[in-house]
C-alpha atoms as a PDB file:
ATOM      1  CA  UNK A   1     -44.319 -40.768  75.651  1.00  0.00           C
ATOM      2  CA  UNK A   2     -42.654 -43.872  77.914  1.00  0.00           C
ATOM      3  CA  UNK A   3     -39.627 -45.639  75.786  1.00  0.00           C
ATOM      4  CA  UNK A   4     -40.426 -49.239  74.559  1.00  0.00           C
ATOM      5  CA  UNK A   5     -39.006 -52.020  76.722  1.00  0.00           C
ATOM      6  CA  UNK A   6     -37.726 -54.916  75.110  1.00  0.00           C
ATOM      7  CA  UNK A   7     -38.037 -58.233  77.207  1.00  0.00           C
ATOM      8  CA  UNK A   8     -36.667 -61.253  76.055  1.00  0.00           C
ATOM      9  CA  UNK A   9     -37.305 -64.708  77.928  1.00  0.00           C
ATOM     10  CA  UNK A  10     -34.559 -66.964  76.944  1.00  0.00           C
ATOM     11  CA  UNK A  11     -35.192 -70.706  77.653  1.00  0.00           C
ATOM     12  CA  UNK A  12     -34.434 -74.089  75.747  1.00  0.00           C
ATOM     13  CA  UNK A  13     -32.880 -77.210  75.875  1.00  0.00           C
ATOM     14  CA  UNK A  14     -29.922 -78.154  78.461  1.00  0.00           C
ATOM     15  CA  UNK A  15     -27.059 -77.843  76.500  1.00  0.00           C
ATOM     16  CA  UNK A  16     -28.215 -76.197  73.248  1.00  0.00           C
ATOM     17  CA  UNK A  17     -26.681 -72.428  73.984  1.00  0.00           C
ATOM     18  CA  UNK A  18     -28.199 -70.647  76.562  1.00  0.00           C
ATOM     19  CA  UNK A  19     -24.637 -69.590  78.004  1.00  0.00           C
ATOM     20  CA  UNK A  20     -23.661 -68.215  74.587  1.00  0.00           C
ATOM     21  CA  UNK A  21     -27.048 -66.832  74.180  1.00  0.00           C
ATOM     22  CA  UNK A  22     -26.583 -64.544  77.280  1.00  0.00           C
ATOM     23  CA  UNK A  23     -22.883 -63.238  76.591  1.00  0.00           C
ATOM     24  CA  UNK A  24     -24.669 -62.368  72.926  1.00  0.00           C
ATOM     25  CA  UNK A  25     -27.544 -60.013  74.866  1.00  0.00           C
ATOM     26  CA  UNK A  26     -24.844 -58.589  77.032  1.00  0.00           C
ATOM     27  CA  UNK A  27     -23.084 -57.612  74.038  1.00  0.00           C
ATOM     28  CA  UNK A  28     -26.241 -56.598  72.559  1.00  0.00           C
ATOM     29  CA  UNK A  29     -26.640 -53.718  75.575  1.00  0.00           C
ATOM     30  CA  UNK A  30     -29.588 -56.242  77.236  1.00  0.00           C
ATOM     31  CA  UNK A  31     -29.862 -55.948  81.241  1.00  0.00           C
ATOM     32  CA  UNK A  32     -29.451 -60.135  81.642  1.00  0.00           C
ATOM     33  CA  UNK A  33     -30.507 -61.790  85.199  1.00  0.00           C
ATOM     34  CA  UNK A  34     -30.206 -65.734  85.426  1.00  0.00           C
ATOM     35  CA  UNK A  35     -33.125 -67.971  86.845  1.00  0.00           C
ATOM     36  CA  UNK A  36     -35.403 -64.990  87.977  1.00  0.00           C
ATOM     37  CA  UNK A  37     -38.272 -66.643  89.960  1.00  0.00           C
ATOM     38  CA  UNK A  38     -41.677 -65.188  88.190  1.00  0.00           C
ATOM     39  CA  UNK A  39     -42.707 -64.377  91.532  1.00  0.00           C
ATOM     40  CA  UNK A  40     -40.276 -61.560  91.510  1.00  0.00           C
ATOM     41  CA  UNK A  41     -40.808 -60.542  88.000  1.00  0.00           C
ATOM     42  CA  UNK A  42     -43.392 -57.808  88.734  1.00  0.00           C
ATOM     43  CA  UNK A  43     -41.643 -56.416  91.142  1.00  0.00           C
ATOM     44  CA  UNK A  44     -38.365 -56.351  89.231  1.00  0.00           C
ATOM     45  CA  UNK A  45     -40.379 -54.686  85.998  1.00  0.00           C
ATOM     46  CA  UNK A  46     -41.319 -52.048  88.625  1.00  0.00           C
ATOM     47  CA  UNK A  47     -37.842 -50.848  89.542  1.00  0.00           C
ATOM     48  CA  UNK A  48     -36.856 -51.262  86.036  1.00  0.00           C
ATOM     49  CA  UNK A  49     -39.654 -48.627  84.998  1.00  0.00           C
ATOM     50  CA  UNK A  50     -38.344 -46.680  87.468  1.00  0.00           C
ATOM     51  CA  UNK A  51     -34.924 -47.008  86.773  1.00  0.00           C
ATOM     52  CA  UNK A  52     -35.749 -44.808  83.066  1.00  0.00           C
ATOM     53  CA  UNK A  53     -32.271 -46.335  82.185  1.00  0.00           C
ATOM     54  CA  UNK A  54     -32.879 -49.877  81.022  1.00  0.00           C
ATOM     55  CA  UNK A  55     -34.867 -50.662  77.961  1.00  0.00           C
ATOM     56  CA  UNK A  56     -33.582 -54.021  77.292  1.00  0.00           C
ATOM     57  CA  UNK A  57     -33.835 -57.159  79.500  1.00  0.00           C
ATOM     58  CA  UNK A  58     -32.934 -60.365  78.863  1.00  0.00           C
ATOM     59  CA  UNK A  59     -34.361 -63.262  81.260  1.00  0.00           C
ATOM     60  CA  UNK A  60     -32.960 -67.164  81.558  1.00  0.00           C
ATOM     61  CA  UNK A  61     -35.466 -69.675  82.384  1.00  0.00           C
ATOM     62  CA  UNK A  62     -34.001 -73.225  82.243  1.00  0.00           C
ATOM     63  CA  UNK A  63     -34.826 -76.459  83.862  1.00  0.00           C
ATOM     64  CA  UNK A  64     -33.343 -75.203  87.344  1.00  0.00           C
ATOM     65  CA  UNK A  65     -36.944 -73.337  87.021  1.00  0.00           C
ATOM     66  CA  UNK A  66     -39.176 -75.725  85.592  1.00  0.00           C
ATOM     67  CA  UNK A  67     -41.785 -75.452  88.737  1.00  0.00           C
ATOM     68  CA  UNK A  68     -41.947 -71.631  87.374  1.00  0.00           C
ATOM     69  CA  UNK A  69     -42.935 -72.284  83.670  1.00  0.00           C
ATOM     70  CA  UNK A  70     -46.577 -72.314  84.366  1.00  0.00           C
ATOM     71  CA  UNK A  71     -46.225 -69.257  86.342  1.00  0.00           C
ATOM     72  CA  UNK A  72     -43.889 -67.323  83.926  1.00  0.00           C
ATOM     73  CA  UNK A  73     -46.803 -67.636  81.415  1.00  0.00           C
ATOM     74  CA  UNK A  74     -49.402 -66.044  83.428  1.00  0.00           C
ATOM     75  CA  UNK A  75     -46.885 -63.354  84.830  1.00  0.00           C
ATOM     76  CA  UNK A  76     -45.864 -62.518  81.036  1.00  0.00           C
ATOM     77  CA  UNK A  77     -49.511 -62.194  80.128  1.00  0.00           C
ATOM     78  CA  UNK A  78     -50.071 -60.119  82.843  1.00  0.00           C
ATOM     79  CA  UNK A  79     -46.903 -57.612  82.190  1.00  0.00           C
ATOM     80  CA  UNK A  80     -48.014 -57.410  78.701  1.00  0.00           C
ATOM     81  CA  UNK A  81     -51.719 -56.777  79.353  1.00  0.00           C
ATOM     82  CA  UNK A  82     -50.752 -53.860  81.516  1.00  0.00           C
ATOM     83  CA  UNK A  83     -47.985 -52.016  79.822  1.00  0.00           C
ATOM     84  CA  UNK A  84     -48.548 -50.524  76.349  1.00  0.00           C
ATOM     85  CA  UNK A  85     -44.431 -49.804  76.017  1.00  0.00           C
ATOM     86  CA  UNK A  86     -43.280 -53.245  76.919  1.00  0.00           C
ATOM     87  CA  UNK A  87     -42.583 -55.402  74.009  1.00  0.00           C
ATOM     88  CA  UNK A  88     -41.991 -59.268  75.298  1.00  0.00           C
ATOM     89  CA  UNK A  89     -40.850 -62.483  73.412  1.00  0.00           C
ATOM     90  CA  UNK A  90     -39.546 -65.837  74.039  1.00  0.00           C
ATOM     91  CA  UNK A  91     -36.697 -67.412  72.542  1.00  0.00           C
ATOM     92  CA  UNK A  92     -36.328 -70.912  72.605  1.00  0.00           C
ATOM     93  CA  UNK A  93     -32.909 -72.983  71.818  1.00  0.00           C
ATOM     94  CA  UNK A  94     -32.855 -76.137  70.357  1.00  0.00           C
ATOM     95  CA  UNK A  95     -30.976 -79.035  69.304  1.00  0.00           C
ATOM     96  CA  UNK A  96     -30.921 -82.925  68.268  1.00  0.00           C
ATOM     97  CA  UNK A  97     -30.855 -85.538  71.127  1.00  0.00           C
ATOM     98  CA  UNK A  98     -27.894 -86.886  69.299  1.00  0.00           C
ATOM     99  CA  UNK A  99     -25.944 -83.197  69.363  1.00  0.00           C
ATOM    100  CA  UNK A 100     -26.976 -83.129  72.960  1.00  0.00           C
ATOM    101  CA  UNK A 101     -25.661 -86.436  74.019  1.00  0.00           C
ATOM    102  CA  UNK A 102     -22.735 -85.358  71.943  1.00  0.00           C
ATOM    103  CA  UNK A 103     -22.408 -82.380  74.231  1.00  0.00           C
ATOM    104  CA  UNK A 104     -22.716 -83.534  77.613  1.00  0.00           C
ATOM    105  CA  UNK A 105     -20.225 -86.454  76.581  1.00  0.00           C
ATOM    106  CA  UNK A 106     -17.730 -83.816  75.606  1.00  0.00           C
ATOM    107  CA  UNK A 107     -18.030 -81.937  78.973  1.00  0.00           C
ATOM    108  CA  UNK A 108     -18.630 -84.668  81.108  1.00  0.00           C
ATOM    109  CA  UNK A 109     -21.191 -82.924  82.817  1.00  0.00           C
ATOM    110  CA  UNK A 110     -24.485 -85.048  83.987  1.00  0.00           C
ATOM    111  CA  UNK A 111     -28.187 -83.995  82.799  1.00  0.00           C
ATOM    112  CA  UNK A 112     -30.003 -82.347  85.321  1.00  0.00           C
ATOM    113  CA  UNK A 113     -32.903 -84.364  84.871  1.00  0.00           C
ATOM    114  CA  UNK A 114     -30.750 -87.675  84.895  1.00  0.00           C
ATOM    115  CA  UNK A 115     -28.193 -87.259  87.483  1.00  0.00           C
ATOM    116  CA  UNK A 116     -27.995 -90.821  88.209  1.00  0.00           C
ATOM    117  CA  UNK A 117     -28.997 -92.108  85.129  1.00  0.00           C
ATOM    118  CA  UNK A 118     -28.626 -92.037  81.269  1.00  0.00           C
ATOM    119  CA  UNK A 119     -28.064 -88.840  79.493  1.00  0.00           C
ATOM    120  CA  UNK A 120     -30.521 -89.609  76.905  1.00  0.00           C
ATOM    121  CA  UNK A 121     -33.179 -90.435  79.242  1.00  0.00           C
ATOM    122  CA  UNK A 122     -32.698 -86.752  80.922  1.00  0.00           C
ATOM    123  CA  UNK A 123     -32.715 -85.260  77.674  1.00  0.00           C
ATOM    124  CA  UNK A 124     -36.182 -86.971  76.756  1.00  0.00           C
ATOM    125  CA  UNK A 125     -37.523 -86.204  79.900  1.00  0.00           C
ATOM    126  CA  UNK A 126     -36.576 -82.657  79.538  1.00  0.00           C
ATOM    127  CA  UNK A 127     -37.905 -82.303  75.764  1.00  0.00           C
ATOM    128  CA  UNK A 128     -41.502 -83.230  77.106  1.00  0.00           C
ATOM    129  CA  UNK A 129     -41.624 -80.998  80.024  1.00  0.00           C
ATOM    130  CA  UNK A 130     -40.665 -78.022  77.520  1.00  0.00           C
ATOM    131  CA  UNK A 131     -42.760 -78.852  74.756  1.00  0.00           C
ATOM    132  CA  UNK A 132     -45.485 -76.390  75.819  1.00  0.00           C
ATOM    133  CA  UNK A 133     -43.242 -73.514  76.252  1.00  0.00           C
ATOM    134  CA  UNK A 134     -41.725 -74.153  72.803  1.00  0.00           C
ATOM    135  CA  UNK A 135     -44.902 -73.972  70.854  1.00  0.00           C
ATOM    136  CA  UNK A 136     -45.554 -70.613  72.677  1.00  0.00           C
ATOM    137  CA  UNK A 137     -41.579 -69.095  71.467  1.00  0.00           C
ATOM    138  CA  UNK A 138     -41.580 -66.344  69.130  1.00  0.00           C
ATOM    139  CA  UNK A 139     -38.429 -67.474  67.803  1.00  0.00           C
ATOM    140  CA  UNK A 140     -36.954 -70.899  67.856  1.00  0.00           C
ATOM    141  CA  UNK A 141     -33.199 -71.681  67.016  1.00  0.00           C
ATOM    142  CA  UNK A 142     -32.142 -75.114  66.144  1.00  0.00           C
ATOM    143  CA  UNK A 143     -28.271 -74.923  67.477  1.00  0.00           C
ATOM    144  CA  UNK A 144     -27.544 -78.857  66.118  1.00  0.00           C
ATOM    145  CA  UNK A 145     -25.570 -77.917  63.144  1.00  0.00           C
ATOM    146  CA  UNK A 146     -24.051 -74.236  64.006  1.00  0.00           C
ATOM    147  CA  UNK A 147     -21.082 -73.180  66.116  1.00  0.00           C
ATOM    148  CA  UNK A 148     -21.133 -70.996  68.842  1.00  0.00           C
ATOM    149  CA  UNK A 149     -20.117 -67.938  66.416  1.00  0.00           C
ATOM    150  CA  UNK A 150     -23.106 -68.966  64.213  1.00  0.00           C
ATOM    151  CA  UNK A 151     -25.423 -68.418  66.938  1.00  0.00           C
ATOM    152  CA  UNK A 152     -24.318 -65.372  68.037  1.00  0.00           C
ATOM    153  CA  UNK A 153     -24.454 -63.897  64.352  1.00  0.00           C
ATOM    154  CA  UNK A 154     -28.255 -65.539  64.615  1.00  0.00           C
ATOM    155  CA  UNK A 155     -28.706 -63.330  67.518  1.00  0.00           C
ATOM    156  CA  UNK A 156     -27.255 -60.360  66.521  1.00  0.00           C
ATOM    157  CA  UNK A 157     -29.467 -60.498  63.225  1.00  0.00           C
ATOM    158  CA  UNK A 158     -32.680 -61.100  65.310  1.00  0.00           C
ATOM    159  CA  UNK A 159     -32.232 -58.740  68.200  1.00  0.00           C
ATOM    160  CA  UNK A 160     -29.726 -55.816  67.052  1.00  0.00           C
ATOM    161  CA  UNK A 161     -31.926 -52.861  67.177  1.00  0.00           C
ATOM    162  CA  UNK A 162     -29.831 -49.871  66.920  1.00  0.00           C
ATOM    163  CA  UNK A 163     -26.065 -49.172  66.403  1.00  0.00           C
ATOM    164  CA  UNK A 164     -25.278 -48.024  69.857  1.00  0.00           C
ATOM    165  CA  UNK A 165     -24.087 -52.091  70.588  1.00  0.00           C
ATOM    166  CA  UNK A 166     -22.591 -52.446  67.046  1.00  0.00           C
ATOM    167  CA  UNK A 167     -19.154 -53.326  66.167  1.00  0.00           C
ATOM    168  CA  UNK A 168     -16.861 -50.545  67.326  1.00  0.00           C
ATOM    169  CA  UNK A 169     -13.257 -49.860  67.020  1.00  0.00           C
ATOM    170  CA  UNK A 170     -10.956 -48.534  69.892  1.00  0.00           C
ATOM    171  CA  UNK A 171      -7.753 -46.819  68.958  1.00  0.00           C
ATOM    172  CA  UNK A 172      -5.168 -45.965  71.592  1.00  0.00           C
ATOM    173  CA  UNK A 173      -1.697 -44.599  71.780  1.00  0.00           C
ATOM    174  CA  UNK A 174       1.081 -45.666  74.437  1.00  0.00           C
ATOM    175  CA  UNK A 175       4.319 -45.970  75.321  1.00  0.00           C
ATOM    176  CA  UNK A 176       6.324 -48.784  75.131  1.00  0.00           C
ATOM    177  CA  UNK A 177       8.687 -47.644  78.307  1.00  0.00           C
ATOM    178  CA  UNK A 178       5.084 -48.027  80.174  1.00  0.00           C
ATOM    179  CA  UNK A 179       4.601 -51.666  78.504  1.00  0.00           C
ATOM    180  CA  UNK A 180       2.228 -52.842  75.766  1.00  0.00           C
ATOM    181  CA  UNK A 181      -1.786 -52.922  76.498  1.00  0.00           C
ATOM    182  CA  UNK A 182      -2.513 -56.459  77.020  1.00  0.00           C
ATOM    183  CA  UNK A 183      -6.122 -56.043  76.015  1.00  0.00           C
ATOM    184  CA  UNK A 184      -4.718 -54.945  72.368  1.00  0.00           C
ATOM    185  CA  UNK A 185      -5.575 -56.880  69.162  1.00  0.00           C
ATOM    186  CA  UNK A 186      -3.345 -55.123  67.002  1.00  0.00           C
ATOM    187  CA  UNK A 187      -0.205 -53.358  68.120  1.00  0.00           C
ATOM    188  CA  UNK A 188       1.901 -51.134  65.814  1.00  0.00           C
ATOM    189  CA  UNK A 189       5.489 -49.604  66.652  1.00  0.00           C
ATOM    190  CA  UNK A 190       5.629 -46.610  65.360  1.00  0.00           C
ATOM    191  CA  UNK A 191       9.232 -45.744  66.850  1.00  0.00           C
ATOM    192  CA  UNK A 192      10.927 -45.747  63.454  1.00  0.00           C
ATOM    193  CA  UNK A 193       9.250 -42.463  62.328  1.00  0.00           C
ATOM    194  CA  UNK A 194      10.765 -39.018  63.248  1.00  0.00           C
ATOM    195  CA  UNK A 195      10.566 -38.323  66.903  1.00  0.00           C
ATOM    196  CA  UNK A 196       9.204 -34.953  68.258  1.00  0.00           C
ATOM    197  CA  UNK A 197      11.333 -34.814  71.334  1.00  0.00           C
ATOM    198  CA  UNK A 198      14.587 -34.074  69.848  1.00  0.00           C
ATOM    199  CA  UNK A 199      13.015 -30.663  68.884  1.00  0.00           C
ATOM    200  CA  UNK A 200      13.389 -28.412  71.757  1.00  0.00           C
ATOM    201  CA  UNK A 201      10.226 -26.364  71.032  1.00  0.00           C
ATOM    202  CA  UNK A 202       8.058 -29.949  70.361  1.00  0.00           C
ATOM    203  CA  UNK A 203       9.349 -31.592  73.375  1.00  0.00           C
ATOM    204  CA  UNK A 204       6.546 -30.688  76.135  1.00  0.00           C
ATOM    205  CA  UNK A 205       4.065 -30.732  73.790  1.00  0.00           C
ATOM    206  CA  UNK A 206       2.019 -33.406  72.704  1.00  0.00           C
ATOM    207  CA  UNK A 207       0.493 -35.348  69.600  1.00  0.00           C
ATOM    208  CA  UNK A 208      -2.531 -33.497  70.191  1.00  0.00           C
ATOM    209  CA  UNK A 209      -0.654 -29.934  69.589  1.00  0.00           C
ATOM    210  CA  UNK A 210      -1.250 -29.025  65.846  1.00  0.00           C
ATOM    211  CA  UNK A 211       2.713 -28.393  65.657  1.00  0.00           C
ATOM    212  CA  UNK A 212       3.437 -31.675  66.941  1.00  0.00           C
ATOM    213  CA  UNK A 213       1.015 -33.173  64.542  1.00  0.00           C
ATOM    214  CA  UNK A 214       2.016 -31.817  61.665  1.00  0.00           C
ATOM    215  CA  UNK A 215       5.973 -32.307  62.243  1.00  0.00           C
ATOM    216  CA  UNK A 216       5.051 -35.835  62.230  1.00  0.00           C
ATOM    217  CA  UNK A 217       2.783 -36.148  59.313  1.00  0.00           C
ATOM    218  CA  UNK A 218       5.261 -34.061  57.122  1.00  0.00           C
ATOM    219  CA  UNK A 219       7.577 -36.556  56.993  1.00  0.00           C
ATOM    220  CA  UNK A 220       7.465 -38.929  53.429  1.00  0.00           C
ATOM    221  CA  UNK A 221       7.850 -42.018  55.591  1.00  0.00           C
ATOM    222  CA  UNK A 222       5.049 -41.093  58.215  1.00  0.00           C
ATOM    223  CA  UNK A 223       2.403 -40.730  55.418  1.00  0.00           C
ATOM    224  CA  UNK A 224       3.904 -43.847  53.407  1.00  0.00           C
ATOM    225  CA  UNK A 225       3.454 -45.794  56.623  1.00  0.00           C
ATOM    226  CA  UNK A 226      -0.135 -44.365  57.369  1.00  0.00           C
ATOM    227  CA  UNK A 227      -1.325 -45.094  53.699  1.00  0.00           C
ATOM    228  CA  UNK A 228      -0.257 -49.028  53.938  1.00  0.00           C
ATOM    229  CA  UNK A 229      -1.372 -49.069  57.514  1.00  0.00           C
ATOM    230  CA  UNK A 230      -4.871 -47.657  57.050  1.00  0.00           C
ATOM    231  CA  UNK A 231      -5.379 -49.859  53.825  1.00  0.00           C
ATOM    232  CA  UNK A 232      -4.910 -52.935  55.973  1.00  0.00           C
ATOM    233  CA  UNK A 233      -7.204 -52.170  58.423  1.00  0.00           C
ATOM    234  CA  UNK A 234      -9.799 -51.036  56.402  1.00  0.00           C
ATOM    235  CA  UNK A 235      -9.174 -54.770  55.116  1.00  0.00           C
ATOM    236  CA  UNK A 236      -9.279 -56.477  58.001  1.00  0.00           C
ATOM    237  CA  UNK A 237     -11.950 -55.000  59.805  1.00  0.00           C
ATOM    238  CA  UNK A 238     -14.823 -56.698  58.024  1.00  0.00           C
ATOM    239  CA  UNK A 239     -12.760 -59.977  59.146  1.00  0.00           C
ATOM    240  CA  UNK A 240     -12.990 -59.532  62.668  1.00  0.00           C
ATOM    241  CA  UNK A 241     -16.975 -58.584  62.381  1.00  0.00           C
ATOM    242  CA  UNK A 242     -17.526 -61.665  60.510  1.00  0.00           C
ATOM    243  CA  UNK A 243     -15.873 -63.900  63.341  1.00  0.00           C
ATOM    244  CA  UNK A 244     -18.459 -62.346  65.746  1.00  0.00           C
ATOM    245  CA  UNK A 245     -16.002 -60.011  67.586  1.00  0.00           C
ATOM    246  CA  UNK A 246     -18.318 -56.906  69.100  1.00  0.00           C
ATOM    247  CA  UNK A 247     -14.947 -54.619  69.045  1.00  0.00           C
ATOM    248  CA  UNK A 248     -11.284 -54.491  67.681  1.00  0.00           C
ATOM    249  CA  UNK A 249      -8.560 -52.489  70.149  1.00  0.00           C
ATOM    250  CA  UNK A 250      -5.386 -51.149  67.497  1.00  0.00           C
ATOM    251  CA  UNK A 251      -2.605 -49.940  69.759  1.00  0.00           C
ATOM    252  CA  UNK A 252      -0.369 -47.320  68.364  1.00  0.00           C
ATOM    253  CA  UNK A 253       3.018 -47.251  70.331  1.00  0.00           C
ATOM    254  CA  UNK A 254       6.166 -44.813  70.488  1.00  0.00           C
ATOM    255  CA  UNK A 255       8.669 -44.518  73.160  1.00  0.00           C
ATOM    256  CA  UNK A 256       6.882 -42.390  75.788  1.00  0.00           C
ATOM    257  CA  UNK A 257       3.587 -42.258  74.411  1.00  0.00           C
ATOM    258  CA  UNK A 258       3.344 -38.481  74.083  1.00  0.00           C
ATOM    259  CA  UNK A 259       4.031 -37.209  70.405  1.00  0.00           C
ATOM    260  CA  UNK A 260       4.203 -40.014  67.546  1.00  0.00           C
ATOM    261  CA  UNK A 261       1.723 -42.597  68.671  1.00  0.00           C
ATOM    262  CA  UNK A 262      -0.844 -39.639  69.679  1.00  0.00           C
ATOM    263  CA  UNK A 263      -0.594 -37.809  66.456  1.00  0.00           C
ATOM    264  CA  UNK A 264      -1.061 -41.329  64.297  1.00  0.00           C
ATOM    265  CA  UNK A 265      -3.898 -42.510  66.844  1.00  0.00           C
ATOM    266  CA  UNK A 266      -5.903 -39.645  66.210  1.00  0.00           C
ATOM    267  CA  UNK A 267      -5.541 -39.800  62.414  1.00  0.00           C
ATOM    268  CA  UNK A 268      -6.361 -43.237  62.442  1.00  0.00           C
ATOM    269  CA  UNK A 269      -9.373 -42.941  64.618  1.00  0.00           C
ATOM    270  CA  UNK A 270     -10.548 -40.192  62.380  1.00  0.00           C
ATOM    271  CA  UNK A 271     -10.268 -42.164  59.035  1.00  0.00           C
ATOM    272  CA  UNK A 272     -11.978 -45.171  60.649  1.00  0.00           C
ATOM    273  CA  UNK A 273     -14.771 -43.057  62.009  1.00  0.00           C
ATOM    274  CA  UNK A 274     -16.274 -42.798  58.451  1.00  0.00           C
ATOM    275  CA  UNK A 275     -17.144 -46.236  58.652  1.00  0.00           C
ATOM    276  CA  UNK A 276     -17.250 -47.017  62.444  1.00  0.00           C
ATOM    277  CA  UNK A 277     -17.966 -46.057  65.760  1.00  0.00           C
ATOM    278  CA  UNK A 278     -14.197 -45.580  67.307  1.00  0.00           C
ATOM    279  CA  UNK A 279     -13.319 -44.610  70.632  1.00  0.00           C
ATOM    280  CA  UNK A 280      -9.650 -42.809  70.918  1.00  0.00           C
ATOM    281  CA  UNK A 281      -7.951 -42.514  73.857  1.00  0.00           C
ATOM    282  CA  UNK A 282      -4.109 -41.728  75.282  1.00  0.00           C
ATOM    283  CA  UNK A 283      -2.977 -44.079  77.752  1.00  0.00           C
ATOM    284  CA  UNK A 284       0.490 -42.284  78.588  1.00  0.00           C
ATOM    285  CA  UNK A 285       0.264 -39.097  77.124  1.00  0.00           C
ATOM    286  CA  UNK A 286       0.612 -36.994  80.381  1.00  0.00           C
ATOM    287  CA  UNK A 287       3.080 -39.736  82.277  1.00  0.00           C
ATOM    288  CA  UNK A 288       6.365 -38.127  81.193  1.00  0.00           C
ATOM    289  CA  UNK A 289       4.912 -35.033  82.792  1.00  0.00           C
ATOM    290  CA  UNK A 290       3.473 -36.215  85.954  1.00  0.00           C
ATOM    291  CA  UNK A 291       7.013 -38.207  86.460  1.00  0.00           C
ATOM    292  CA  UNK A 292       8.791 -34.603  85.973  1.00  0.00           C
ATOM    293  CA  UNK A 293       6.299 -33.115  88.357  1.00  0.00           C
ATOM    294  CA  UNK A 294       6.784 -35.172  90.852  1.00  0.00           C
ATOM    295  CA  UNK A 295      10.585 -34.808  90.629  1.00  0.00           C
END
């Protein structure tokens, strides 16, 4: 049986939040297309089905495509009638005239229907043009009194259908000698912990080896640090989620990124997996060996 394909047509008033919406749909795993002519929608849909890899699609239709609104209704109906595995939905983003005027003044942009006139005239004309598609929308969101983050939360609430695109955590180890990861949200320096590098039998091993892991974890200082740090992480993760972040990157660093940071990244990642999807990586673990081999 063919997998059901979700299609969301994102439309609404200019300045009401379509850019934020599309960014949110991308984070939700949707294949996003901006202003595709309805005449190409049928062929596009055939390509989507043939690929077999796309199950969620979001299409933006805005005033630049106003000549296509009549076509879009016909094409959506045609697709819906001929596809039992297609689930289309129209999302309309709206805002009050006062709020839209304020947003246009803040960005100093001209309204697309009033390039040489008053912004309010353009807004009122646009509202009249979009009245029909708004009446056909399955979901209307008024963004007048909500922030971009709150709009994102509303979209996630309505369109997040699985856990594959849910909030997730990246835990990575690294070596300070190679630089701090530029994409890290939380950086922890563990160079104060006992260093296996100075144990001859452990020097060439990594934190993935049990002997190194045990050496690092058997220290009372390591255990106290770990308990304090994991408690802090479990406390702050819900806050990151509430702020609308789709992921958090935790970087654990030691001198070379081979021993202590690797062992701790593994333990921290496994602990957080109890509640969140976690990806564990070791950026610099093999760099020392690569350097030695090139010498």
